[in-house]
Amino acid sequence: MKRRKRRSATAALELIARLGFEAMSMRQLAGQVGVQPAALYRYFPTKEELLYALMREHMEKLIVSWGEARPADWLRLTGKARRTPRCISLKTTSAFTWPVATPRM
């Protein structure tokens, strides 16, 4: 991520944690980052796109951590490996859908 986009995402997480997603505005986020609101729309055309980007980044990090876990650890931690689906589909209220693979056992 570009530096300004990364700063915007980090500030958005802080504002969402403090105010909630519905209460946070792009204008507040721009003020927190120190840019004009129009600059944010270059990276995130809507507030929903911003949320989508934050969720996707979080899920990508989660997938990497699953991949780094040893199968023995995975079984011990979940106890449900046989019932875990091979693929999870994440869907948002908009048209975005992407597959998320679970680690092979």
N, C-alpha and C. Protein backbone atom coordinates (compact mmCIF):
# COMPACT_ATOMS: atom_id res chain seq x y z
N MET A 1 0.84 -1.18 0.00
CA MET A 1 0.00 0.00 0.00
C MET A 1 0.88 1.24 0.00
N LYS A 2 0.44 2.23 -0.71
CA LYS A 2 1.18 3.49 -0.69
C LYS A 2 1.11 4.06 0.72
N ARG A 3 2.07 4.92 1.03
CA ARG A 3 2.17 5.44 2.40
C ARG A 3 0.92 6.21 2.83
N ARG A 4 0.41 7.09 1.97
CA ARG A 4 -0.78 7.87 2.35
C ARG A 4 -2.01 6.96 2.48
N LYS A 5 -2.11 6.00 1.59
CA LYS A 5 -3.23 5.06 1.67
C LYS A 5 -3.13 4.24 2.96
N ARG A 6 -1.92 3.82 3.31
CA ARG A 6 -1.69 3.07 4.55
C ARG A 6 -2.06 3.92 5.77
N ARG A 7 -1.62 5.18 5.77
CA ARG A 7 -1.97 6.09 6.88
C ARG A 7 -3.48 6.27 6.99
N SER A 8 -4.14 6.38 5.84
CA SER A 8 -5.60 6.54 5.83
C SER A 8 -6.28 5.31 6.40
N ALA A 9 -5.80 4.13 6.02
CA ALA A 9 -6.40 2.88 6.51
C ALA A 9 -6.20 2.75 8.02
N THR A 10 -5.02 3.09 8.51
CA THR A 10 -4.73 3.01 9.95
C THR A 10 -5.61 3.98 10.72
N ALA A 11 -5.73 5.20 10.21
CA ALA A 11 -6.59 6.20 10.86
C ALA A 11 -8.05 5.77 10.83
N ALA A 12 -8.47 5.15 9.73
CA ALA A 12 -9.85 4.67 9.62
C ALA A 12 -10.13 3.61 10.67
N LEU A 13 -9.20 2.69 10.88
CA LEU A 13 -9.38 1.67 11.91
C LEU A 13 -9.55 2.31 13.29
N GLU A 14 -8.75 3.33 13.57
CA GLU A 14 -8.86 4.01 14.86
C GLU A 14 -10.20 4.70 15.02
N LEU A 15 -10.64 5.40 13.96
CA LEU A 15 -11.92 6.10 14.03
C LEU A 15 -13.09 5.12 14.13
N ILE A 16 -13.04 4.05 13.37
CA ILE A 16 -14.12 3.06 13.41
C ILE A 16 -14.19 2.44 14.80
N ALA A 17 -13.04 2.16 15.40
CA ALA A 17 -13.01 1.59 16.75
C ALA A 17 -13.59 2.56 17.76
N ARG A 18 -13.33 3.84 17.58
CA ARG A 18 -13.78 4.84 18.54
C ARG A 18 -15.23 5.26 18.31
N LEU A 19 -15.61 5.49 17.04
CA LEU A 19 -16.93 6.05 16.73
C LEU A 19 -17.93 5.04 16.17
N GLY A 20 -17.41 3.98 15.57
CA GLY A 20 -18.27 3.06 14.84
C GLY A 20 -18.26 3.43 13.36
N PHE A 21 -18.50 2.43 12.51
CA PHE A 21 -18.44 2.65 11.07
C PHE A 21 -19.48 3.66 10.59
N GLU A 22 -20.70 3.53 11.07
CA GLU A 22 -21.77 4.43 10.61
C GLU A 22 -21.51 5.87 11.01
N ALA A 23 -20.95 6.09 12.19
CA ALA A 23 -20.74 7.45 12.69
C ALA A 23 -19.51 8.13 12.08
N MET A 24 -18.55 7.34 11.63
CA MET A 24 -17.34 7.92 11.04
C MET A 24 -17.66 8.51 9.67
N SER A 25 -17.09 9.67 9.39
CA SER A 25 -17.27 10.27 8.07
C SER A 25 -15.92 10.37 7.36
N MET A 26 -15.98 10.42 6.06
CA MET A 26 -14.75 10.57 5.28
C MET A 26 -14.10 11.92 5.59
N ARG A 27 -14.90 12.93 5.91
CA ARG A 27 -14.36 14.25 6.28
C ARG A 27 -13.56 14.14 7.58
N GLN A 28 -14.09 13.39 8.56
CA GLN A 28 -13.35 13.19 9.81
C GLN A 28 -12.05 12.44 9.55
N LEU A 29 -12.13 11.44 8.70
CA LEU A 29 -10.94 10.66 8.37
C LEU A 29 -9.89 11.53 7.70
N ALA A 30 -10.33 12.37 6.77
CA ALA A 30 -9.38 13.28 6.10
C ALA A 30 -8.71 14.20 7.11
N GLY A 31 -9.49 14.72 8.06
CA GLY A 31 -8.92 15.58 9.10
C GLY A 31 -7.90 14.84 9.95
N GLN A 32 -8.19 13.59 10.26
CA GLN A 32 -7.28 12.78 11.07
C GLN A 32 -5.96 12.54 10.32
N VAL A 33 -6.07 12.30 9.02
CA VAL A 33 -4.88 12.01 8.21
C VAL A 33 -4.14 13.29 7.84
N GLY A 34 -4.87 14.42 7.80
CA GLY A 34 -4.25 15.69 7.43
C GLY A 34 -4.26 15.94 5.93
N VAL A 35 -5.30 15.46 5.26
CA VAL A 35 -5.44 15.68 3.82
C VAL A 35 -6.83 16.23 3.53
N GLN A 36 -7.04 16.72 2.33
CA GLN A 36 -8.36 17.15 1.89
C GLN A 36 -9.23 15.91 1.67
N PRO A 37 -10.54 16.01 1.92
CA PRO A 37 -11.41 14.85 1.69
C PRO A 37 -11.30 14.28 0.28
N ALA A 38 -11.12 15.13 -0.71
CA ALA A 38 -11.02 14.65 -2.09
C ALA A 38 -9.82 13.71 -2.28
N ALA A 39 -8.76 13.91 -1.49
CA ALA A 39 -7.58 13.05 -1.60
C ALA A 39 -7.91 11.62 -1.18
N LEU A 40 -8.80 11.45 -0.20
CA LEU A 40 -9.17 10.10 0.24
C LEU A 40 -9.93 9.36 -0.84
N TYR A 41 -10.76 10.08 -1.58
CA TYR A 41 -11.58 9.44 -2.60
C TYR A 41 -10.73 8.89 -3.75
N ARG A 42 -9.50 9.31 -3.84
CA ARG A 42 -8.58 8.74 -4.84
C ARG A 42 -8.30 7.27 -4.53
N TYR A 43 -8.19 6.95 -3.24
CA TYR A 43 -7.89 5.59 -2.81
C TYR A 43 -9.16 4.79 -2.50
N PHE A 44 -10.14 5.47 -1.92
CA PHE A 44 -11.37 4.82 -1.49
C PHE A 44 -12.56 5.64 -1.99
N PRO A 45 -13.14 5.27 -3.14
CA PRO A 45 -14.23 6.05 -3.73
C PRO A 45 -15.46 6.21 -2.82
N THR A 46 -15.69 5.25 -1.92
CA THR A 46 -16.81 5.33 -0.98
C THR A 46 -16.36 4.81 0.37
N LYS A 47 -17.16 5.09 1.36
CA LYS A 47 -16.86 4.58 2.70
C LYS A 47 -16.94 3.05 2.72
N GLU A 48 -17.84 2.50 1.93
CA GLU A 48 -17.97 1.05 1.84
C GLU A 48 -16.74 0.42 1.20
N GLU A 49 -16.15 1.09 0.20
CA GLU A 49 -14.91 0.61 -0.42
C GLU A 49 -13.78 0.61 0.60
N LEU A 50 -13.76 1.60 1.45
CA LEU A 50 -12.76 1.66 2.52
C LEU A 50 -12.92 0.47 3.45
N LEU A 51 -14.15 0.19 3.87
CA LEU A 51 -14.41 -0.95 4.74
C LEU A 51 -14.01 -2.25 4.06
N TYR A 52 -14.35 -2.39 2.79
CA TYR A 52 -13.99 -3.58 2.02
C TYR A 52 -12.47 -3.76 2.01
N ALA A 53 -11.71 -2.68 1.77
CA ALA A 53 -10.25 -2.76 1.74
C ALA A 53 -9.69 -3.18 3.10
N LEU A 54 -10.26 -2.64 4.17
CA LEU A 54 -9.81 -3.00 5.52
C LEU A 54 -10.10 -4.47 5.81
N MET A 55 -11.28 -4.93 5.44
CA MET A 55 -11.64 -6.33 5.67
C MET A 55 -10.76 -7.25 4.84
N ARG A 56 -10.52 -6.89 3.60
CA ARG A 56 -9.71 -7.74 2.73
C ARG A 56 -8.28 -7.85 3.27
N GLU A 57 -7.70 -6.74 3.68
CA GLU A 57 -6.35 -6.77 4.24
C GLU A 57 -6.29 -7.65 5.48
N HIS A 58 -7.29 -7.52 6.34
CA HIS A 58 -7.33 -8.35 7.55
C HIS A 58 -7.43 -9.84 7.19
N MET A 59 -8.29 -10.17 6.24
CA MET A 59 -8.46 -11.56 5.84
C MET A 59 -7.18 -12.11 5.20
N GLU A 60 -6.49 -11.31 4.41
CA GLU A 60 -5.25 -11.77 3.80
C GLU A 60 -4.20 -12.08 4.86
N LYS A 61 -4.12 -11.24 5.90
CA LYS A 61 -3.19 -11.51 7.00
C LYS A 61 -3.58 -12.77 7.75
N LEU A 62 -4.87 -12.97 7.94
CA LEU A 62 -5.36 -14.16 8.62
C LEU A 62 -5.02 -15.42 7.84
N ILE A 63 -5.19 -15.37 6.52
CA ILE A 63 -4.87 -16.52 5.67
C ILE A 63 -3.39 -16.86 5.75
N VAL A 64 -2.54 -15.84 5.74
CA VAL A 64 -1.10 -16.08 5.86
C VAL A 64 -0.80 -16.75 7.19
N SER A 65 -1.41 -16.28 8.26
CA SER A 65 -1.13 -16.88 9.56
C SER A 65 -1.65 -18.32 9.62
N TRP A 66 -2.77 -18.61 8.96
CA TRP A 66 -3.25 -19.99 8.89
C TRP A 66 -2.26 -20.85 8.15
N GLY A 67 -1.71 -20.32 7.05
CA GLY A 67 -0.76 -21.08 6.24
C GLY A 67 0.53 -21.37 6.98
N GLU A 68 0.90 -20.49 7.91
CA GLU A 68 2.13 -20.68 8.68
C GLU A 68 1.94 -21.64 9.85
N ALA A 69 0.69 -21.87 10.23
CA ALA A 69 0.42 -22.78 11.34
C ALA A 69 0.66 -24.21 10.91
N ARG A 70 1.23 -24.99 11.78
CA ARG A 70 1.43 -26.42 11.48
C ARG A 70 0.09 -27.13 11.64
N PRO A 71 -0.16 -28.18 10.84
CA PRO A 71 -1.42 -28.92 10.95
C PRO A 71 -1.69 -29.43 12.37
N ALA A 72 -0.66 -29.87 13.08
CA ALA A 72 -0.87 -30.36 14.44
C ALA A 72 -1.41 -29.24 15.33
N ASP A 73 -0.85 -28.04 15.17
CA ASP A 73 -1.34 -26.89 15.94
C ASP A 73 -2.78 -26.56 15.56
N TRP A 74 -3.07 -26.62 14.26
CA TRP A 74 -4.42 -26.31 13.78
C TRP A 74 -5.43 -27.27 14.41
N LEU A 75 -5.11 -28.57 14.41
CA LEU A 75 -6.02 -29.56 14.99
C LEU A 75 -6.19 -29.34 16.49
N ARG A 76 -5.10 -29.05 17.16
CA ARG A 76 -5.15 -28.84 18.60
C ARG A 76 -5.97 -27.60 18.94
N LEU A 77 -5.81 -26.53 18.15
CA LEU A 77 -6.50 -25.28 18.44
C LEU A 77 -7.99 -25.34 18.12
N THR A 78 -8.35 -25.99 17.03
CA THR A 78 -9.75 -26.00 16.61
C THR A 78 -10.50 -27.24 17.05
N GLY A 79 -9.86 -28.40 16.95
CA GLY A 79 -10.55 -29.64 17.26
C GLY A 79 -11.65 -29.97 16.27
N LYS A 80 -11.78 -29.17 15.22
CA LYS A 80 -12.87 -29.34 14.26
C LYS A 80 -12.35 -29.41 12.82
N ALA A 81 -11.15 -29.86 12.64
CA ALA A 81 -10.54 -29.81 11.31
C ALA A 81 -11.34 -30.56 10.26
N ARG A 82 -11.96 -31.64 10.65
CA ARG A 82 -12.70 -32.43 9.66
C ARG A 82 -13.98 -31.74 9.21
N ARG A 83 -14.49 -30.85 10.02
CA ARG A 83 -15.71 -30.13 9.65
C ARG A 83 -15.43 -28.76 9.04
N THR A 84 -14.16 -28.39 8.94
CA THR A 84 -13.79 -27.11 8.36
C THR A 84 -13.91 -27.17 6.84
N PRO A 85 -14.66 -26.26 6.22
CA PRO A 85 -14.78 -26.30 4.76
C PRO A 85 -13.46 -26.00 4.08
N ARG A 86 -13.25 -26.57 2.92
CA ARG A 86 -12.01 -26.34 2.16
C ARG A 86 -11.96 -24.91 1.61
N CYS A 87 -13.07 -24.30 1.40
CA CYS A 87 -13.09 -22.94 0.85
C CYS A 87 -14.22 -22.16 1.51
N ILE A 88 -13.94 -20.94 1.87
CA ILE A 88 -14.92 -20.06 2.48
C ILE A 88 -15.14 -18.92 1.49
N SER A 89 -16.36 -18.56 1.22
CA SER A 89 -16.63 -17.42 0.36
C SER A 89 -17.04 -16.24 1.23
N LEU A 90 -16.34 -15.15 1.11
CA LEU A 90 -16.69 -13.94 1.84
C LEU A 90 -17.50 -13.06 0.91
N LYS A 91 -18.63 -12.59 1.38
CA LYS A 91 -19.48 -11.75 0.55
C LYS A 91 -19.83 -10.49 1.31
N THR A 92 -19.82 -9.38 0.61
CA THR A 92 -20.25 -8.13 1.20
C THR A 92 -21.61 -7.80 0.61
N THR A 93 -22.20 -6.72 1.08
CA THR A 93 -23.50 -6.34 0.56
C THR A 93 -23.41 -5.83 -0.86
N SER A 94 -22.23 -5.47 -1.32
CA SER A 94 -22.07 -5.03 -2.69
C SER A 94 -21.70 -6.21 -3.56
N ALA A 95 -21.19 -5.96 -4.72
CA ALA A 95 -20.92 -7.02 -5.69
C ALA A 95 -19.60 -7.74 -5.45
N PHE A 96 -18.91 -7.45 -4.37
CA PHE A 96 -17.59 -8.04 -4.14
C PHE A 96 -17.70 -9.43 -3.52
N THR A 97 -17.01 -10.37 -4.10
CA THR A 97 -16.90 -11.73 -3.56
C THR A 97 -15.51 -12.24 -3.90
N TRP A 98 -14.86 -12.87 -2.94
CA TRP A 98 -13.57 -13.47 -3.24
C TRP A 98 -13.42 -14.74 -2.42
N PRO A 99 -12.77 -15.75 -2.99
CA PRO A 99 -12.60 -17.01 -2.26
C PRO A 99 -11.45 -16.92 -1.27
N VAL A 100 -11.61 -17.59 -0.16
CA VAL A 100 -10.57 -17.65 0.86
C VAL A 100 -10.31 -19.12 1.12
N ALA A 101 -9.13 -19.58 0.79
CA ALA A 101 -8.82 -21.00 0.98
C ALA A 101 -8.35 -21.26 2.40
N THR A 102 -8.73 -22.39 2.94
CA THR A 102 -8.25 -22.81 4.26
C THR A 102 -7.03 -23.70 4.05
N PRO A 103 -6.17 -23.81 5.05
CA PRO A 103 -4.97 -24.63 4.89
C PRO A 103 -5.32 -26.10 4.70
N ARG A 104 -4.51 -26.78 3.93
CA ARG A 104 -4.69 -28.21 3.72
C ARG A 104 -4.27 -28.96 4.97
N MET A 105 -4.99 -29.97 5.33
CA MET A 105 -4.67 -30.77 6.51
C MET A 105 -3.85 -31.96 6.11
